[in-house]
Amino acid sequence: MSNRCKVCNAPKVTSIDQINNDGKWECKTCGNLLDAQGHVVQS
């Protein structure tokens, strides 16, 4: 599991409300939706 966005290299924010149950998370710097590895799944 990546702790950084692959797009802008921002650190992953780990507060519970910003992480989906399937491991996807939103980068707060560039706004992309990323998978657990930090790859963009939706921009």
C-alpha atoms as a PDB file:
ATOM      1  CA  MET A   1       0.000   0.000   0.000  1.00  0.00           C
ATOM      2  CA  SER A   2       1.417   3.343  -1.045  1.00  0.00           C
ATOM      3  CA  ASN A   3       1.564   6.306   1.293  1.00  0.00           C
ATOM      4  CA  ARG A   4       2.041   8.777  -1.553  1.00  0.00           C
ATOM      5  CA  CYS A   5       0.120   9.929  -4.605  1.00  0.00           C
ATOM      6  CA  LYS A   6       1.773   8.726  -7.830  1.00  0.00           C
ATOM      7  CA  VAL A   7       0.680  11.946  -9.583  1.00  0.00           C
ATOM      8  CA  CYS A   8       1.955  14.700  -7.316  1.00  0.00           C
ATOM      9  CA  ASN A   9       3.862  12.667  -4.659  1.00  0.00           C
ATOM     10  CA  ALA A  10       1.785  14.165  -1.852  1.00  0.00           C
ATOM     11  CA  PRO A  11       1.586  12.074   1.317  1.00  0.00           C
ATOM     12  CA  LYS A  12      -1.561  10.027   1.880  1.00  0.00           C
ATOM     13  CA  VAL A  13      -3.974  11.505   4.410  1.00  0.00           C
ATOM     14  CA  THR A  14      -5.077   8.705   6.699  1.00  0.00           C
ATOM     15  CA  SER A  15      -8.102  10.140   8.453  1.00  0.00           C
ATOM     16  CA  ILE A  16     -10.911   7.591   8.296  1.00  0.00           C
ATOM     17  CA  ASP A  17     -13.393   9.799   6.422  1.00  0.00           C
ATOM     18  CA  GLN A  18     -11.047  10.206   3.449  1.00  0.00           C
ATOM     19  CA  ILE A  19     -10.451   6.493   2.809  1.00  0.00           C
ATOM     20  CA  ASN A  20     -13.078   4.269   1.184  1.00  0.00           C
ATOM     21  CA  ASN A  21     -13.704   0.697   2.327  1.00  0.00           C
ATOM     22  CA  ASP A  22     -12.107  -0.657  -0.868  1.00  0.00           C
ATOM     23  CA  GLY A  23      -8.799   1.073  -0.143  1.00  0.00           C
ATOM     24  CA  LYS A  24      -9.286   3.996  -2.524  1.00  0.00           C
ATOM     25  CA  TRP A  25      -8.405   7.425  -1.241  1.00  0.00           C
ATOM     26  CA  GLU A  26      -8.533  10.993  -2.502  1.00  0.00           C
ATOM     27  CA  CYS A  27      -5.361  13.036  -2.806  1.00  0.00           C
ATOM     28  CA  LYS A  28      -6.011  16.374  -1.134  1.00  0.00           C
ATOM     29  CA  THR A  29      -3.279  18.090  -3.167  1.00  0.00           C
ATOM     30  CA  CYS A  30      -4.259  17.180  -6.751  1.00  0.00           C
ATOM     31  CA  GLY A  31      -7.805  15.888  -6.091  1.00  0.00           C
ATOM     32  CA  ASN A  32      -7.406  12.543  -7.878  1.00  0.00           C
ATOM     33  CA  LEU A  33      -9.026   9.367  -6.591  1.00  0.00           C
ATOM     34  CA  LEU A  34      -6.289   6.787  -6.091  1.00  0.00           C
ATOM     35  CA  ASP A  35      -6.189   3.073  -5.432  1.00  0.00           C
ATOM     36  CA  ALA A  36      -4.357   1.443  -2.527  1.00  0.00           C
ATOM     37  CA  GLN A  37      -1.088   1.516  -4.511  1.00  0.00           C
ATOM     38  CA  GLY A  38      -1.381   5.255  -5.211  1.00  0.00           C
ATOM     39  CA  HIS A  39      -2.329   4.917  -8.892  1.00  0.00           C
ATOM     40  CA  VAL A  40      -5.086   7.127 -10.323  1.00  0.00           C
ATOM     41  CA  VAL A  41      -8.444   5.406 -10.750  1.00  0.00           C
ATOM     42  CA  GLN A  42     -10.451   8.601 -11.352  1.00  0.00           C
ATOM     43  CA  SER A  43      -9.414  12.201 -11.853  1.00  0.00           C
END
